[in-house]
C-alpha cells in the first residue's frame, strides 16, 4: 500500500512563453525541484506526465527519480488526458494519490503535513487551505483511482471529481499562502520565485 504523487507537466506553457518545467527554481529546473520535494516520505512513488518538449524534460525527470508517462495527445486532451495517463500508471493497491501541477511548486514540509493528516484521519479527499481559500494539491484515497482514470476536460476534470464527493472533502489549514501558489505568466513567475524562497527558508 503506497502513496503516489502525480506531477502534471505536459502543457505548452503558452502564457509563460517558455516551458514551465525548465524554469529556474532555486538553482535547478522547476521539475527537478518539485520531484525532489515529492520523493521523500511519506510519498513512495512519483509519476510525471509529460507532453510538450518531452524529449528534453524526460531525462531530467527520470534522473530526479520519477517514473514518466507520455501524453501523446496533450494538445487535444489537455490536463485531463495527462491525469488519465498518469493514473493508469499508478498501482491499483495505492493507498493515496496526490495530484500536483508543475506550475504549483510546493515544499516538502507542506506535502508531508498534508499527506500525514490525510492518512491519519482516513479522509476520502483532503485539500490544503489558507485563510479559508482552498489550494493545491488535493490528496485522494486510492479508492478514487478509477475516477482519476476517467476524468474528462469537458467535464472539468479533477475539479468535477472533487465536487462529486464534496461532502467528504476535508480542508487542512496552513499558515502560509504557498498552498495557493499557481504560476501562469512571466511576471507571476518572477514574483513567486522571490517570495517562495523567503517563505520556505524561514
C-alpha atoms as a PDB file:
ATOM      1  CA  UNK A   1       0.000   0.000   0.000  1.00  0.00           C
ATOM      2  CA  UNK A   2       1.891   3.038  -1.277  1.00  0.00           C
ATOM      3  CA  UNK A   3       1.368   6.758  -1.545  1.00  0.00           C
ATOM      4  CA  UNK A   4       1.863   8.048  -5.081  1.00  0.00           C
ATOM      5  CA  UNK A   5       2.310  11.601  -6.320  1.00  0.00           C
ATOM      6  CA  UNK A   6       1.182  12.518  -9.826  1.00  0.00           C
ATOM      7  CA  UNK A   7       3.001  15.528 -11.271  1.00  0.00           C
ATOM      8  CA  UNK A   8       1.420  17.052 -14.375  1.00  0.00           C
ATOM      9  CA  UNK A   9       3.932  18.722 -16.695  1.00  0.00           C
ATOM     10  CA  UNK A  10       2.682  18.170 -20.246  1.00  0.00           C
ATOM     11  CA  UNK A  11       1.357  21.609 -21.182  1.00  0.00           C
ATOM     12  CA  UNK A  12       2.714  24.056 -23.737  1.00  0.00           C
ATOM     13  CA  UNK A  13       3.135  26.964 -21.266  1.00  0.00           C
ATOM     14  CA  UNK A  14       1.769  29.387 -23.856  1.00  0.00           C
ATOM     15  CA  UNK A  15       1.172  32.265 -21.427  1.00  0.00           C
ATOM     16  CA  UNK A  16       4.643  31.835 -19.927  1.00  0.00           C
ATOM     17  CA  UNK A  17       6.419  31.840 -23.271  1.00  0.00           C
ATOM     18  CA  UNK A  18       8.841  29.135 -22.127  1.00  0.00           C
ATOM     19  CA  UNK A  19       8.351  25.552 -20.849  1.00  0.00           C
ATOM     20  CA  UNK A  20       7.455  25.821 -17.172  1.00  0.00           C
ATOM     21  CA  UNK A  21       9.200  22.562 -16.179  1.00  0.00           C
ATOM     22  CA  UNK A  22      12.505  24.052 -17.391  1.00  0.00           C
ATOM     23  CA  UNK A  23      12.269  27.342 -15.478  1.00  0.00           C
ATOM     24  CA  UNK A  24      14.950  28.024 -12.900  1.00  0.00           C
ATOM     25  CA  UNK A  25      13.774  27.354  -9.365  1.00  0.00           C
ATOM     26  CA  UNK A  26      16.385  27.687  -6.682  1.00  0.00           C
ATOM     27  CA  UNK A  27      19.290  26.778  -8.931  1.00  0.00           C
ATOM     28  CA  UNK A  28      17.651  23.795 -10.634  1.00  0.00           C
ATOM     29  CA  UNK A  29      14.807  23.317 -13.059  1.00  0.00           C
ATOM     30  CA  UNK A  30      11.301  23.586 -11.652  1.00  0.00           C
ATOM     31  CA  UNK A  31      10.551  19.958 -12.453  1.00  0.00           C
ATOM     32  CA  UNK A  32      13.726  18.734 -10.748  1.00  0.00           C
ATOM     33  CA  UNK A  33      12.919  20.806  -7.690  1.00  0.00           C
ATOM     34  CA  UNK A  34       9.369  19.520  -7.427  1.00  0.00           C
ATOM     35  CA  UNK A  35      10.323  15.871  -7.895  1.00  0.00           C
ATOM     36  CA  UNK A  36      12.953  16.263  -5.155  1.00  0.00           C
ATOM     37  CA  UNK A  37      10.293  17.629  -2.796  1.00  0.00           C
ATOM     38  CA  UNK A  38       7.911  14.809  -3.649  1.00  0.00           C
ATOM     39  CA  UNK A  39      10.410  11.950  -3.461  1.00  0.00           C
ATOM     40  CA  UNK A  40      10.589  11.957   0.313  1.00  0.00           C
ATOM     41  CA  UNK A  41       8.467  10.201   2.954  1.00  0.00           C
ATOM     42  CA  UNK A  42       5.523   9.829   3.129  1.00  0.00           C
ATOM     43  CA  UNK A  43       5.499   9.744  -0.719  1.00  0.00           C
ATOM     44  CA  UNK A  44       6.687   6.391  -2.086  1.00  0.00           C
ATOM     45  CA  UNK A  45       6.346   6.897  -5.830  1.00  0.00           C
ATOM     46  CA  UNK A  46       6.276   9.837  -8.255  1.00  0.00           C
ATOM     47  CA  UNK A  47       4.668   9.604 -11.695  1.00  0.00           C
ATOM     48  CA  UNK A  48       5.244  12.523 -14.075  1.00  0.00           C
ATOM     49  CA  UNK A  49       3.037  13.123 -17.106  1.00  0.00           C
ATOM     50  CA  UNK A  50       4.867  14.818 -19.986  1.00  0.00           C
ATOM     51  CA  UNK A  51       3.861  16.008 -23.443  1.00  0.00           C
ATOM     52  CA  UNK A  52       5.293  19.253 -24.824  1.00  0.00           C
ATOM     53  CA  UNK A  53       9.118  19.129 -25.062  1.00  0.00           C
ATOM     54  CA  UNK A  54       9.057  15.649 -23.530  1.00  0.00           C
ATOM     55  CA  UNK A  55      12.316  14.726 -25.245  1.00  0.00           C
ATOM     56  CA  UNK A  56      14.102  17.450 -23.263  1.00  0.00           C
ATOM     57  CA  UNK A  57      12.240  17.153 -19.971  1.00  0.00           C
ATOM     58  CA  UNK A  58      12.127  13.363 -19.666  1.00  0.00           C
ATOM     59  CA  UNK A  59      15.856  12.876 -18.889  1.00  0.00           C
ATOM     60  CA  UNK A  60      15.605  15.475 -16.111  1.00  0.00           C
ATOM     61  CA  UNK A  61      12.544  13.842 -14.588  1.00  0.00           C
ATOM     62  CA  UNK A  62      13.983  10.346 -14.718  1.00  0.00           C
ATOM     63  CA  UNK A  63      17.361  11.375 -13.323  1.00  0.00           C
ATOM     64  CA  UNK A  64      15.478  13.020 -10.437  1.00  0.00           C
ATOM     65  CA  UNK A  65      13.879   9.660  -9.672  1.00  0.00           C
ATOM     66  CA  UNK A  66      10.397   9.882 -11.189  1.00  0.00           C
ATOM     67  CA  UNK A  67       8.563   7.455 -13.435  1.00  0.00           C
ATOM     68  CA  UNK A  68       7.494   9.108 -16.680  1.00  0.00           C
ATOM     69  CA  UNK A  69       4.391   8.639 -18.811  1.00  0.00           C
ATOM     70  CA  UNK A  70       3.865  10.497 -22.078  1.00  0.00           C
ATOM     71  CA  UNK A  71       0.562  12.066 -23.042  1.00  0.00           C
ATOM     72  CA  UNK A  72       0.922  11.956 -26.812  1.00  0.00           C
ATOM     73  CA  UNK A  73      -2.337  13.857 -27.302  1.00  0.00           C
ATOM     74  CA  UNK A  74      -1.651  16.653 -24.798  1.00  0.00           C
ATOM     75  CA  UNK A  75      -2.660  19.316 -27.336  1.00  0.00           C
ATOM     76  CA  UNK A  76      -6.145  17.824 -27.790  1.00  0.00           C
ATOM     77  CA  UNK A  77      -6.814  16.147 -24.442  1.00  0.00           C
ATOM     78  CA  UNK A  78      -5.206  18.718 -22.153  1.00  0.00           C
ATOM     79  CA  UNK A  79      -4.645  18.324 -18.430  1.00  0.00           C
ATOM     80  CA  UNK A  80      -7.325  15.663 -18.050  1.00  0.00           C
ATOM     81  CA  UNK A  81      -5.603  13.483 -20.640  1.00  0.00           C
ATOM     82  CA  UNK A  82      -2.342  13.761 -18.730  1.00  0.00           C
ATOM     83  CA  UNK A  83      -4.073  12.894 -15.472  1.00  0.00           C
ATOM     84  CA  UNK A  84      -5.688   9.832 -17.020  1.00  0.00           C
ATOM     85  CA  UNK A  85      -2.363   8.662 -18.446  1.00  0.00           C
ATOM     86  CA  UNK A  86      -0.588   9.103 -15.109  1.00  0.00           C
ATOM     87  CA  UNK A  87      -3.406   7.489 -13.108  1.00  0.00           C
ATOM     88  CA  UNK A  88      -3.232   4.412 -15.310  1.00  0.00           C
ATOM     89  CA  UNK A  89       0.419   4.045 -14.254  1.00  0.00           C
ATOM     90  CA  UNK A  90      -0.481   4.092 -10.556  1.00  0.00           C
ATOM     91  CA  UNK A  91      -0.816   0.609  -8.958  1.00  0.00           C
ATOM     92  CA  UNK A  92      -4.333  -0.463  -8.045  1.00  0.00           C
ATOM     93  CA  UNK A  93      -3.387  -1.044  -4.402  1.00  0.00           C
ATOM     94  CA  UNK A  94      -2.139   2.532  -3.895  1.00  0.00           C
ATOM     95  CA  UNK A  95      -3.313   3.910  -0.586  1.00  0.00           C
ATOM     96  CA  UNK A  96      -3.426   7.599  -1.520  1.00  0.00           C
ATOM     97  CA  UNK A  97      -2.771   9.766  -4.578  1.00  0.00           C
ATOM     98  CA  UNK A  98      -1.542  13.370  -4.514  1.00  0.00           C
ATOM     99  CA  UNK A  99      -2.104  15.394  -7.707  1.00  0.00           C
ATOM    100  CA  UNK A 100       0.059  18.436  -8.414  1.00  0.00           C
ATOM    101  CA  UNK A 101       0.839  20.564 -11.480  1.00  0.00           C
ATOM    102  CA  UNK A 102       4.422  21.587 -12.126  1.00  0.00           C
ATOM    103  CA  UNK A 103       3.409  25.266 -12.058  1.00  0.00           C
ATOM    104  CA  UNK A 104       2.269  24.891  -8.438  1.00  0.00           C
ATOM    105  CA  UNK A 105       5.601  24.454  -6.610  1.00  0.00           C
ATOM    106  CA  UNK A 106       5.267  23.087  -3.093  1.00  0.00           C
ATOM    107  CA  UNK A 107       7.941  22.433  -0.450  1.00  0.00           C
ATOM    108  CA  UNK A 108       8.281  19.043   1.162  1.00  0.00           C
ATOM    109  CA  UNK A 109       7.060  20.334   4.527  1.00  0.00           C
ATOM    110  CA  UNK A 110       3.653  21.153   3.029  1.00  0.00           C
ATOM    111  CA  UNK A 111       3.412  17.827   1.228  1.00  0.00           C
ATOM    112  CA  UNK A 112       4.440  15.858   4.306  1.00  0.00           C
ATOM    113  CA  UNK A 113       1.939  17.519   6.635  1.00  0.00           C
ATOM    114  CA  UNK A 114      -0.885  17.270   4.114  1.00  0.00           C
ATOM    115  CA  UNK A 115      -0.390  13.563   3.384  1.00  0.00           C
ATOM    116  CA  UNK A 116       0.175  12.588   7.005  1.00  0.00           C
ATOM    117  CA  UNK A 117      -3.003  14.311   8.187  1.00  0.00           C
ATOM    118  CA  UNK A 118      -4.923  12.798   5.273  1.00  0.00           C
ATOM    119  CA  UNK A 119      -3.783   9.300   6.211  1.00  0.00           C
ATOM    120  CA  UNK A 120      -4.250   9.673   9.948  1.00  0.00           C
ATOM    121  CA  UNK A 121      -7.793  10.956   9.504  1.00  0.00           C
ATOM    122  CA  UNK A 122      -8.545   8.405   6.766  1.00  0.00           C
ATOM    123  CA  UNK A 123     -10.111  11.127   4.623  1.00  0.00           C
ATOM    124  CA  UNK A 124     -11.529  10.419   1.191  1.00  0.00           C
ATOM    125  CA  UNK A 125     -10.229  13.742  -0.158  1.00  0.00           C
ATOM    126  CA  UNK A 126      -8.011  16.294   1.593  1.00  0.00           C
ATOM    127  CA  UNK A 127      -7.195  19.764   0.273  1.00  0.00           C
ATOM    128  CA  UNK A 128      -4.895  22.401   1.783  1.00  0.00           C
ATOM    129  CA  UNK A 129      -6.347  25.818   2.545  1.00  0.00           C
ATOM    130  CA  UNK A 130      -5.150  29.258   3.580  1.00  0.00           C
ATOM    131  CA  UNK A 131      -7.473  31.718   5.316  1.00  0.00           C
ATOM    132  CA  UNK A 132     -10.496  29.794   4.093  1.00  0.00           C
ATOM    133  CA  UNK A 133      -9.415  29.549   0.447  1.00  0.00           C
ATOM    134  CA  UNK A 134      -8.696  26.122  -0.999  1.00  0.00           C
ATOM    135  CA  UNK A 135      -5.354  25.470  -2.626  1.00  0.00           C
ATOM    136  CA  UNK A 136      -3.361  22.586  -4.073  1.00  0.00           C
ATOM    137  CA  UNK A 137      -2.502  19.758  -4.139  1.00  0.00           C
ATOM    138  CA  UNK A 138      -5.504  17.564  -3.358  1.00  0.00           C
ATOM    139  CA  UNK A 139      -4.828  14.160  -1.832  1.00  0.00           C
ATOM    140  CA  UNK A 140      -7.283  11.411  -2.731  1.00  0.00           C
ATOM    141  CA  UNK A 141      -7.895   7.990  -1.279  1.00  0.00           C
ATOM    142  CA  UNK A 142      -6.737   5.187  -3.568  1.00  0.00           C
ATOM    143  CA  UNK A 143     -10.377   4.125  -3.824  1.00  0.00           C
ATOM    144  CA  UNK A 144     -10.814   7.036  -6.249  1.00  0.00           C
ATOM    145  CA  UNK A 145      -8.231   5.779  -8.762  1.00  0.00           C
ATOM    146  CA  UNK A 146     -10.943   4.556 -11.164  1.00  0.00           C
ATOM    147  CA  UNK A 147     -12.403   8.082 -11.133  1.00  0.00           C
ATOM    148  CA  UNK A 148      -8.986   9.621 -11.848  1.00  0.00           C
ATOM    149  CA  UNK A 149      -8.540   7.271 -14.797  1.00  0.00           C
ATOM    150  CA  UNK A 150     -11.734   8.519 -16.434  1.00  0.00           C
ATOM    151  CA  UNK A 151     -11.678  12.304 -15.882  1.00  0.00           C
ATOM    152  CA  UNK A 152     -12.508  14.445 -18.912  1.00  0.00           C
ATOM    153  CA  UNK A 153     -11.540  18.046 -19.695  1.00  0.00           C
ATOM    154  CA  UNK A 154     -15.016  18.879 -20.992  1.00  0.00           C
ATOM    155  CA  UNK A 155     -16.492  17.820 -17.655  1.00  0.00           C
ATOM    156  CA  UNK A 156     -13.943  19.884 -15.683  1.00  0.00           C
ATOM    157  CA  UNK A 157     -11.602  17.022 -14.850  1.00  0.00           C
ATOM    158  CA  UNK A 158     -10.469  16.624 -11.255  1.00  0.00           C
ATOM    159  CA  UNK A 159     -12.485  19.681 -10.219  1.00  0.00           C
ATOM    160  CA  UNK A 160     -15.697  17.855 -11.047  1.00  0.00           C
ATOM    161  CA  UNK A 161     -14.449  14.756  -9.240  1.00  0.00           C
ATOM    162  CA  UNK A 162     -13.854  16.756  -6.064  1.00  0.00           C
ATOM    163  CA  UNK A 163     -17.261  18.400  -6.403  1.00  0.00           C
ATOM    164  CA  UNK A 164     -18.878  14.976  -6.784  1.00  0.00           C
ATOM    165  CA  UNK A 165     -17.522  13.959  -3.386  1.00  0.00           C
ATOM    166  CA  UNK A 166     -17.821  17.412  -1.802  1.00  0.00           C
ATOM    167  CA  UNK A 167     -19.457  16.040   1.330  1.00  0.00           C
ATOM    168  CA  UNK A 168     -16.286  14.032   2.019  1.00  0.00           C
ATOM    169  CA  UNK A 169     -13.748  16.777   1.262  1.00  0.00           C
ATOM    170  CA  UNK A 170     -11.717  17.877   4.288  1.00  0.00           C
ATOM    171  CA  UNK A 171      -9.838  21.184   4.252  1.00  0.00           C
ATOM    172  CA  UNK A 172      -6.481  21.163   6.020  1.00  0.00           C
ATOM    173  CA  UNK A 173      -5.492  24.718   7.030  1.00  0.00           C
ATOM    174  CA  UNK A 174      -1.959  26.048   6.521  1.00  0.00           C
ATOM    175  CA  UNK A 175      -0.472  29.266   7.851  1.00  0.00           C
ATOM    176  CA  UNK A 176       1.215  30.135   4.546  1.00  0.00           C
ATOM    177  CA  UNK A 177      -0.288  31.155   1.206  1.00  0.00           C
ATOM    178  CA  UNK A 178       2.265  28.960  -0.548  1.00  0.00           C
ATOM    179  CA  UNK A 179      -0.549  26.402  -0.865  1.00  0.00           C
ATOM    180  CA  UNK A 180      -2.312  28.864  -3.213  1.00  0.00           C
ATOM    181  CA  UNK A 181       0.687  29.500  -5.485  1.00  0.00           C
ATOM    182  CA  UNK A 182      -0.031  28.978  -9.186  1.00  0.00           C
ATOM    183  CA  UNK A 183       2.366  30.333 -11.833  1.00  0.00           C
ATOM    184  CA  UNK A 184       0.954  31.237 -15.242  1.00  0.00           C
ATOM    185  CA  UNK A 185       2.839  34.261 -16.565  1.00  0.00           C
ATOM    186  CA  UNK A 186       6.411  35.544 -16.554  1.00  0.00           C
ATOM    187  CA  UNK A 187       5.507  38.311 -14.105  1.00  0.00           C
ATOM    188  CA  UNK A 188       3.903  35.799 -11.735  1.00  0.00           C
ATOM    189  CA  UNK A 189       6.971  33.583 -12.023  1.00  0.00           C
ATOM    190  CA  UNK A 190       9.415  36.363 -11.118  1.00  0.00           C
ATOM    191  CA  UNK A 191       7.338  37.477  -8.139  1.00  0.00           C
ATOM    192  CA  UNK A 192       6.605  33.938  -6.942  1.00  0.00           C
ATOM    193  CA  UNK A 193      10.236  32.810  -7.101  1.00  0.00           C
ATOM    194  CA  UNK A 194      11.355  35.607  -4.807  1.00  0.00           C
ATOM    195  CA  UNK A 195       8.508  35.221  -2.293  1.00  0.00           C
ATOM    196  CA  UNK A 196       8.573  31.423  -2.312  1.00  0.00           C
ATOM    197  CA  UNK A 197      12.119  31.011  -1.093  1.00  0.00           C
ATOM    198  CA  UNK A 198      11.664  33.710   1.514  1.00  0.00           C
ATOM    199  CA  UNK A 199       8.754  31.726   2.961  1.00  0.00           C
ATOM    200  CA  UNK A 200      10.167  28.214   2.831  1.00  0.00           C
ATOM    201  CA  UNK A 201      13.528  29.169   4.348  1.00  0.00           C
ATOM    202  CA  UNK A 202      12.105  30.975   7.404  1.00  0.00           C
END
